[in-house]
Protein backbone atom coordinates (compact mmCIF):
# COMPACT_ATOMS: atom_id res chain seq x y z
CA MET A 1 34.31 17.81 3.60
CA ASP A 2 31.79 15.82 1.61
CA ILE A 3 29.53 18.82 0.37
CA ARG A 4 26.56 16.61 0.44
CA LYS A 5 27.05 16.40 4.69
CA SER A 6 27.36 20.19 4.63
CA MET A 7 24.24 20.88 2.97
CA LEU A 8 22.26 20.31 5.90
CA PHE A 9 23.44 23.74 7.26
CA PHE A 10 22.70 25.82 3.99
CA ILE A 11 19.13 24.44 4.22
CA SER A 12 18.24 24.45 7.38
CA PRO A 13 17.08 28.13 7.29
CA LEU A 14 14.53 26.97 5.03
CA PHE A 15 12.78 25.08 7.88
CA PHE A 16 11.88 27.91 9.76
CA LEU A 17 10.87 30.24 6.33
CA VAL A 18 8.45 27.60 5.33
CA SER A 19 7.04 26.85 8.57
CA CYS A 20 3.72 28.34 10.02
CA SER A 21 3.85 30.67 12.76
CA ASP A 22 3.43 29.66 16.13
CA ASP A 23 0.14 31.52 16.30
CA GLU A 24 -1.53 30.04 13.26
CA GLN A 25 -3.81 27.68 13.41
CA ILE A 26 -4.04 24.63 11.30
CA ASN A 27 -6.66 21.97 11.14
CA ILE A 28 -5.28 18.32 11.92
CA SER A 29 -7.58 16.07 10.95
CA SER A 30 -8.39 12.48 12.01
CA ILE A 31 -5.96 11.58 9.12
CA GLN A 32 -3.18 12.67 11.34
CA LYS A 33 -4.36 11.25 14.40
CA LYS A 34 -3.81 7.36 13.31
CA GLU A 35 -2.64 5.14 15.77
CA ILE A 36 0.53 3.46 15.29
CA TYR A 37 1.17 -0.34 16.95
CA GLU A 38 4.42 -0.89 19.25
CA ILE A 39 5.95 -4.30 17.74
CA LYS A 40 5.94 -6.97 20.73
CA GLN A 41 9.64 -7.41 22.00
CA PRO A 42 11.91 -9.29 21.33
CA ALA A 43 10.43 -9.31 17.47
CA LYS A 44 9.65 -12.47 15.86
CA SER A 45 9.46 -12.99 12.10
CA ASN A 46 6.34 -14.23 10.21
CA ILE A 47 6.08 -18.17 10.69
CA SER A 48 5.86 -18.17 6.75
CA ARG A 49 8.75 -15.63 6.51
CA GLY A 50 9.58 -15.03 2.63
CA LEU A 51 6.76 -16.69 1.14
CA ILE A 52 4.93 -13.23 0.65
CA LEU A 53 7.95 -12.26 -1.59
CA SER A 54 7.63 -15.11 -3.75
CA ASN A 55 3.59 -15.08 -3.83
CA ILE A 56 2.98 -11.30 -4.37
CA ASN A 57 3.56 -10.26 -7.44
CA ASN A 58 5.81 -6.43 -6.64
CA SER A 59 7.27 -4.80 -3.60
CA LEU A 60 4.65 -1.96 -3.73
CA ASN A 61 1.85 -4.32 -2.98
CA VAL A 62 3.97 -6.37 -0.26
CA ASN A 63 4.44 -3.05 1.28
CA GLU A 64 0.82 -1.76 1.08
CA ILE A 65 -0.82 -5.38 2.31
CA GLU A 66 1.42 -5.20 5.33
CA LYS A 67 1.34 -1.62 6.16
CA GLY A 68 -2.32 -1.46 4.96
CA LEU A 69 -3.54 -4.36 7.32
CA MET A 70 -1.67 -2.77 10.47
CA ASP A 71 -3.24 0.43 9.70
CA LEU A 72 -7.30 -0.69 9.36
CA SER A 73 -6.53 -3.28 12.22
CA VAL A 74 -6.93 -0.56 14.85
CA ASN A 75 -10.56 -0.12 14.28
CA HIS A 76 -10.35 -3.75 16.26
CA PHE A 77 -7.53 -3.89 18.31
CA SER A 78 -6.69 -1.13 20.26
CA THR A 79 -3.07 0.42 20.03
CA LYS A 80 -2.87 1.29 23.74
CA LYS A 81 -4.18 -2.08 24.72
CA PHE A 82 -2.31 -4.71 22.21
CA TYR A 83 0.86 -5.17 21.12
CA MET A 84 1.33 -5.98 17.01
CA GLN A 85 3.25 -9.29 16.43
CA GLU A 86 4.04 -11.20 12.75
CA GLY A 87 1.89 -13.88 12.15
CA GLN A 88 2.84 -17.19 14.16
CA TYR A 89 0.20 -19.68 13.33
CA LEU A 90 -0.28 -19.91 9.28
CA ASP A 91 2.84 -21.50 8.15
CA LYS A 92 3.91 -21.98 4.59
CA LYS A 93 2.31 -25.77 4.28
CA ILE A 94 -1.43 -23.88 5.21
CA ILE A 95 -0.86 -21.35 3.31
CA ASN A 96 0.33 -23.60 -0.26
CA GLN A 97 -2.48 -25.93 0.36
CA TRP A 98 -4.73 -23.00 0.12
CA LEU A 99 -3.00 -21.55 -2.99
CA ASP A 100 -3.29 -24.91 -4.84
CA ARG A 101 -6.35 -25.79 -7.15
CA LYS A 102 -9.41 -27.49 -5.82
CA SER A 103 -9.32 -31.27 -5.83
CA LYS A 104 -11.28 -34.01 -4.97
CA GLU A 105 -9.74 -33.79 -1.59
CA GLY A 106 -11.08 -30.19 -1.15
CA VAL A 107 -7.88 -28.79 0.20
CA GLY A 108 -6.97 -25.93 -2.51
CA LEU A 109 -8.95 -22.98 -2.94
CA ASN A 110 -7.71 -21.49 -6.54
CA PRO A 111 -10.29 -22.54 -9.16
CA SER A 112 -9.27 -26.18 -10.72
CA ILE A 113 -8.86 -26.80 -14.21
CA LYS A 114 -11.91 -27.23 -16.26
CA ASN A 115 -12.14 -28.79 -19.59
CA ASN A 116 -8.40 -29.85 -19.80
CA THR A 117 -6.87 -29.56 -23.34
CA GLY A 118 -3.88 -30.93 -22.70
CA ASP A 119 -1.78 -27.59 -23.24
CA VAL A 120 -0.77 -26.52 -20.06
CA LEU A 121 -0.52 -23.08 -20.92
CA GLU A 122 -3.95 -22.59 -22.24
CA ASP A 123 -5.45 -24.67 -19.63
CA GLU A 124 -3.74 -21.80 -16.96
CA LYS A 125 -5.03 -19.11 -19.04
CA ASN A 126 -8.76 -20.13 -19.30
CA ASN A 127 -8.48 -21.02 -15.26
CA PRO A 128 -6.50 -18.48 -13.77
CA LYS A 129 -5.33 -18.53 -10.15
CA ILE A 130 -7.00 -15.98 -7.97
CA LEU A 131 -6.04 -16.60 -4.45
CA SER A 132 -2.25 -15.15 -4.24
CA HIS A 133 -1.02 -15.16 -0.19
CA VAL A 134 -2.61 -14.90 3.00
CA LEU A 135 -1.04 -12.51 5.41
CA GLU A 136 -1.38 -13.00 8.96
CA GLN A 137 -0.85 -10.49 11.98
CA ASN A 138 -1.33 -11.11 15.72
CA PHE A 139 -2.18 -8.57 18.29
CA ILE A 140 -0.96 -9.38 21.52
CA ASN A 141 -2.32 -8.28 25.28
CA LYS A 142 0.19 -6.19 26.88
CA GLU A 143 -0.80 -6.76 30.33
CA SER A 144 -1.24 -10.79 29.73
CA GLY A 145 1.34 -11.53 26.69
CA LYS A 146 -1.10 -13.59 25.56
CA ILE A 147 -2.72 -13.03 21.66
CA GLU A 148 -6.02 -11.98 22.01
CA GLY A 149 -6.65 -10.94 18.12
CA MET A 150 -5.66 -12.30 14.50
CA SER A 151 -5.68 -9.79 11.25
CA LEU A 152 -5.81 -11.43 7.70
CA ALA A 153 -5.40 -10.07 4.18
CA ILE A 154 -6.41 -12.24 1.61
CA SER A 155 -4.54 -11.10 -1.44
CA LEU A 156 -6.22 -11.45 -4.81
CA ASN A 157 -4.55 -11.73 -8.48
CA GLU A 158 -6.47 -8.76 -10.70
CA PHE A 159 -3.77 -10.32 -13.13
CA TYR A 160 -2.65 -13.70 -13.16
CA ASP A 161 1.25 -14.38 -13.83
CA ILE A 162 1.33 -17.71 -15.36
CA ARG A 163 4.47 -19.81 -15.33
CA VAL A 164 4.13 -23.03 -15.83
CA SER A 165 6.17 -26.74 -17.42
CA ASP A 166 4.72 -29.49 -19.54
CA ASP A 167 5.69 -33.02 -19.19
CA LYS A 168 8.95 -32.47 -21.43
CA GLY A 169 10.54 -29.64 -18.59
CA LEU A 170 9.62 -26.65 -21.03
CA VAL A 171 8.17 -23.88 -19.18
CA TYR A 172 5.74 -21.42 -20.79
CA THR A 173 5.43 -17.65 -19.36
CA ASP A 174 1.95 -15.36 -19.51
CA GLN A 175 -0.43 -12.93 -18.14
CA VAL A 176 -4.06 -12.72 -18.56
CA LYS A 177 -6.35 -10.52 -16.61
CA VAL A 178 -8.69 -12.47 -13.79
CA ASP A 179 -12.30 -10.83 -14.96
CA THR A 180 -12.39 -10.32 -18.18
CA ASN A 181 -16.57 -10.06 -18.03
CA GLU A 182 -17.55 -6.53 -19.30
CA ASP A 183 -19.80 -5.71 -16.30
CA ASN A 184 -19.93 -3.91 -12.91
CA VAL A 185 -19.12 -6.61 -10.93
CA ASN A 186 -15.81 -7.51 -9.54
CA ASP A 187 -15.21 -11.15 -9.73
CA VAL A 188 -12.31 -11.37 -8.26
CA GLU A 189 -13.84 -10.03 -4.90
CA ASN A 190 -16.67 -12.28 -4.93
CA TYR A 191 -14.24 -15.05 -5.31
CA GLY A 192 -12.43 -13.84 -2.30
CA LYS A 193 -15.62 -13.31 -0.35
CA GLU A 194 -16.35 -17.10 -0.85
CA ILE A 195 -12.96 -18.71 -0.02
CA ALA A 196 -12.80 -16.43 3.16
CA GLY A 197 -15.45 -18.62 4.73
CA THR A 198 -13.37 -21.71 4.28
CA ILE A 199 -10.25 -20.09 5.59
CA ILE A 200 -12.19 -18.65 8.65
CA LYS A 201 -13.73 -22.79 8.95
CA ASP A 202 -9.93 -24.07 8.33
CA ILE A 203 -8.28 -21.49 11.15
CA ARG A 204 -11.27 -22.52 13.63
CA ASN A 205 -10.87 -26.36 13.34
CA ASN A 206 -6.73 -25.85 13.77
CA GLU A 207 -6.51 -26.87 17.27
CA LYS A 208 -2.80 -25.24 17.47
CA ILE A 209 -4.60 -21.85 16.36
CA PRO A 210 -5.91 -19.99 19.40
CA ASN A 211 -9.69 -19.02 19.31
CA VAL A 212 -9.55 -15.26 19.16
CA PRO A 213 -11.66 -12.71 17.11
CA ILE A 214 -10.61 -12.48 13.72
CA TYR A 215 -10.48 -9.39 11.37
CA VAL A 216 -10.42 -10.17 7.60
CA THR A 217 -9.81 -7.90 4.57
CA LEU A 218 -9.63 -8.71 0.61
CA TYR A 219 -7.37 -7.26 -1.41
CA GLN A 220 -6.53 -6.82 -4.84
CA GLU A 221 -3.06 -6.90 -6.16
CA SER A 222 -2.51 -4.21 -8.80
CA ASN A 223 -0.41 -5.26 -12.03
CA LYS A 224 3.38 -6.02 -11.59
CA ASN A 225 4.64 -3.37 -13.14
CA ASP A 226 2.27 -0.46 -12.00
CA ILE A 227 3.83 2.40 -9.95
CA ILE A 228 1.25 2.43 -7.51
CA PRO A 229 -0.21 -0.44 -5.19
CA GLY A 230 -3.30 -2.59 -5.20
CA ILE A 231 -6.16 -1.87 -3.09
CA PHE A 232 -8.33 -3.08 -0.16
CA LEU A 233 -11.72 -4.22 -1.17
CA ALA A 234 -13.94 -5.20 1.70
CA GLU A 235 -13.54 -5.93 5.30
CA THR A 236 -15.49 -8.19 8.23
CA PHE A 237 -15.23 -9.15 11.54
CA ILE A 238 -15.32 -12.62 13.00
CA PRO A 239 -15.84 -12.68 16.95
CA GLU A 240 -14.31 -15.06 18.98
CA GLY A 241 -15.53 -18.79 18.88
CA GLU A 242 -17.65 -17.94 15.68
CA ASP A 243 -16.63 -19.39 12.16
CA LYS A 244 -19.35 -17.91 10.29
CA ILE A 245 -18.90 -14.34 7.90
CA ASP A 246 -22.34 -12.23 8.29
CA LYS A 247 -21.28 -9.53 6.31
CA TRP A 248 -18.82 -7.68 4.54
CA ILE A 249 -18.20 -3.55 4.52
CA ASP A 250 -16.77 -2.14 1.43
CA ILE A 251 -13.55 -0.43 1.93
CA ASP A 252 -13.13 2.88 -0.10
CA ARG A 253 -9.46 3.40 -0.03
CA GLU A 254 -8.15 4.06 -3.82
CA ASN A 255 -4.68 4.85 -5.09
CA TYR A 256 -3.98 7.29 -7.94
CA THR A 257 -1.10 8.67 -9.93
CA PHE A 258 -0.23 12.16 -11.37
CA PRO A 259 -0.59 13.01 -13.96
CA SER A 260 -3.01 10.64 -15.17
CA ASP A 261 -6.50 10.57 -16.76
CA SER A 262 -8.45 8.51 -13.99
CA LEU A 263 -6.92 11.29 -11.52
CA TYR A 264 -7.88 14.33 -13.58
CA SER A 265 -11.49 12.99 -13.75
CA LEU A 266 -11.69 12.00 -9.90
CA ASP A 267 -10.32 15.64 -8.73
CA LYS A 268 -9.80 18.34 -11.38
CA ASP A 269 -9.01 21.22 -9.10
CA THR A 270 -6.45 19.03 -7.12
CA TYR A 271 -4.99 18.05 -10.98
CA ASN A 272 -5.00 21.55 -12.28
CA ASN A 273 -4.62 23.93 -9.57
CA LYS A 274 -2.16 22.38 -7.32
CA LEU A 275 -0.03 19.27 -8.99
CA LEU A 276 -0.03 20.57 -12.35
CA ILE A 277 1.15 24.14 -11.33
CA PHE A 278 3.65 22.60 -8.86
CA LYS A 279 5.42 20.49 -11.30
CA GLU A 280 5.34 23.11 -14.25
CA ASP A 281 6.85 25.47 -11.88
CA ILE A 282 9.47 23.37 -10.76
CA GLN A 283 10.53 22.08 -14.33
CA GLU A 284 10.93 25.99 -15.71
CA SER A 285 12.85 26.49 -13.06
CA PHE A 286 15.17 23.18 -13.63
CA LYS A 287 14.64 23.12 -17.32
CA HIS A 288 18.36 22.01 -18.00
CA LEU A 289 17.61 19.02 -15.79
CA ASN A 290 15.01 17.09 -17.69
CA LEU A 291 13.01 16.49 -14.54
CA LYS A 292 10.38 13.87 -14.59
CA ILE A 293 7.68 14.42 -11.80
CA ILE A 294 5.31 12.04 -10.81
CA GLY A 295 2.71 11.72 -7.85
CA LYS A 296 1.14 9.00 -6.00
CA LEU A 297 -2.05 10.13 -4.14
CA ARG A 298 -4.24 7.83 -1.79
CA TYR A 299 -8.03 8.84 -1.26
CA GLU A 300 -9.75 7.30 1.59
CA ASN A 301 -13.84 7.43 1.30
CA GLY A 302 -13.44 10.55 -1.42
CA LYS A 303 -10.93 12.51 0.67
CA LEU A 304 -7.37 12.88 -0.28
CA THR A 305 -5.52 11.60 2.72
CA ASP A 306 -1.28 11.17 1.33
CA LEU A 307 0.65 12.28 -1.20
CA LYS A 308 3.93 11.37 -1.80
CA ILE A 309 5.88 13.02 -5.10
CA ASP A 310 9.13 11.55 -6.80
CA ILE A 311 11.14 14.28 -8.45
CA ASN A 312 13.41 12.03 -10.85
CA VAL A 313 16.14 13.83 -11.91
CA PRO A 314 19.27 12.31 -13.84
CA LEU A 315 23.17 13.19 -13.00
CA ILE A 316 22.36 16.01 -10.91
CA LYS A 317 25.31 17.60 -8.92
CA ASP A 318 25.48 18.90 -5.49
CA THR A 319 25.17 22.63 -5.90
CA GLU A 320 22.22 21.65 -8.46
CA LEU A 321 20.64 19.43 -5.58
CA ILE A 322 20.52 21.93 -2.62
CA GLY A 323 18.88 24.68 -5.14
CA LEU A 324 16.38 22.21 -6.04
CA LEU A 325 15.87 20.81 -2.20
CA GLN A 326 15.27 24.92 -1.54
CA LEU A 327 12.94 25.86 -4.51
CA THR A 328 10.65 22.31 -4.38
CA SER A 329 10.35 22.81 -0.26
CA THR A 330 9.17 26.33 -1.20
CA LYS A 331 6.92 25.23 -3.54
CA LEU A 332 5.61 22.96 -1.42
CA ASN A 333 4.79 26.04 0.87
CA THR A 334 3.43 28.24 -1.44
CA ILE A 335 1.52 26.06 -3.71
CA LEU A 336 0.42 22.76 -1.86
CA LEU A 337 0.03 23.73 1.43
CA THR A 338 -1.22 26.96 0.90
CA SER A 339 -5.18 28.44 -0.01
CA THR A 340 -5.58 31.39 -1.91
CA LYS A 341 -9.05 33.25 -3.10
CA LEU A 342 -8.55 31.76 -6.38
CA ASN A 343 -7.66 28.46 -5.14
CA THR A 344 -8.97 27.22 -1.60
CA ILE A 345 -7.83 23.78 -1.73
CA SER A 346 -5.14 23.13 1.05
CA PHE A 347 -3.01 19.89 1.56
CA ASP A 348 -1.64 21.15 5.03
CA TYR A 349 -3.98 18.54 6.68
CA ILE A 350 -1.97 15.48 4.91
CA PRO A 351 1.58 14.14 4.89
CA VAL A 352 3.48 14.81 1.98
CA THR A 353 6.54 13.24 1.14
CA ILE A 354 8.95 13.93 -1.68
CA ARG A 355 12.20 12.24 -3.35
CA ILE A 356 14.55 13.44 -5.07
CA ILE A 357 16.00 10.53 -7.29
CA ASP A 358 19.16 10.08 -9.36
CA GLN A 359 19.11 7.17 -11.32
CA LYS A 360 17.10 5.09 -8.98
CA GLN A 361 18.87 6.12 -5.83
CA ASP A 362 17.44 8.68 -3.00
CA VAL A 363 19.56 11.96 -3.34
CA GLY A 364 17.28 14.10 -1.26
CA ILE A 365 14.28 14.18 0.60
CA ILE A 366 11.51 16.68 1.68
CA ILE A 367 8.77 16.32 4.31
CA TRP A 368 5.76 18.07 5.53
CA ASP A 369 4.77 16.68 9.13
CA PRO A 370 1.21 18.78 9.84
CA THR A 371 1.47 17.31 13.07
CA GLU A 372 4.74 19.12 13.73
CA ASN A 373 3.28 22.13 11.65
CA GLN A 374 6.83 22.04 9.83
CA ILE A 375 8.73 21.36 6.41
CA TYR A 376 11.89 19.29 6.92
CA ALA A 377 14.42 19.07 3.88
CA THR A 378 17.75 17.43 3.75
CA PRO A 379 20.13 15.64 1.38
CA ILE A 380 20.65 11.72 1.50
């Protein structure tokens, strides 16, 4: 018998040991009551399928912008009334036209090359492209089967990855930061707001696109080598029949890594009294495995709403994996999910996912589900 297939038998009693009693009341906040869209069946691929993978610089940003746009859309298109469907109207031609540089014809939305030097690389560096992609999602009325809403995520470069060729066919690559001004103004966000008006007008002027309410967000991508995704910056809503944006509302949704100076500055209690103790306890118990532990946290409106932890351990044996899953589940319960007189913080209201990774391959997973009031642990 494959030992990993039988591990669940040994770990399953842990579920009951670390779960809370039926009598214990857990405060499940609105974080856990987020609604999820049903997908319109038969499911359809995005009409610009594949374009997002070439336009957005890493998979973290792709996942964040797709899932994040759905999460944010529930405030405007009810999950009870609407199905979600991949975008069916903004095709590759439309999106690529927007991604072009501005021209006399006025089609492109990226900055034009100013003061052309004849050096293709320098010209790109001096005039970085900002608009990276436009993601579309549609919302279909469950009763009528008709589209009655559209959501857009306008994806913007914080860093512009350059790949350009000269007239001899030589290829040059580089990367530049888009906003290099030393001020408190986000030039990337402001540019996104500026071009969003044009995108809405283009959509309204396209007779093939239904005249439905449009929810619009601005998304700023993280760097291609970052281990956390980018952030949603702002949102707006355009009612049916209108083609102008009246106002923008800031979105307070930030991602942090542990350990990091930025997280320490934001939330010292969580850093020192929860995550650091959790990390050191596990590493102390498995010194011989040389564990590396990285946390990924999301804060919305200043509150922690999601926690993911990766435990990287090379060449772990099956029996060691059992022990690590058991210990980590116990520490999750006793440190992260439990408050004490000395430490009143508790993460019992947010989802927690812990992955055990061996050489880039997931070998175990632990999940705290606050709606079920239960920790689940299993090898993979």
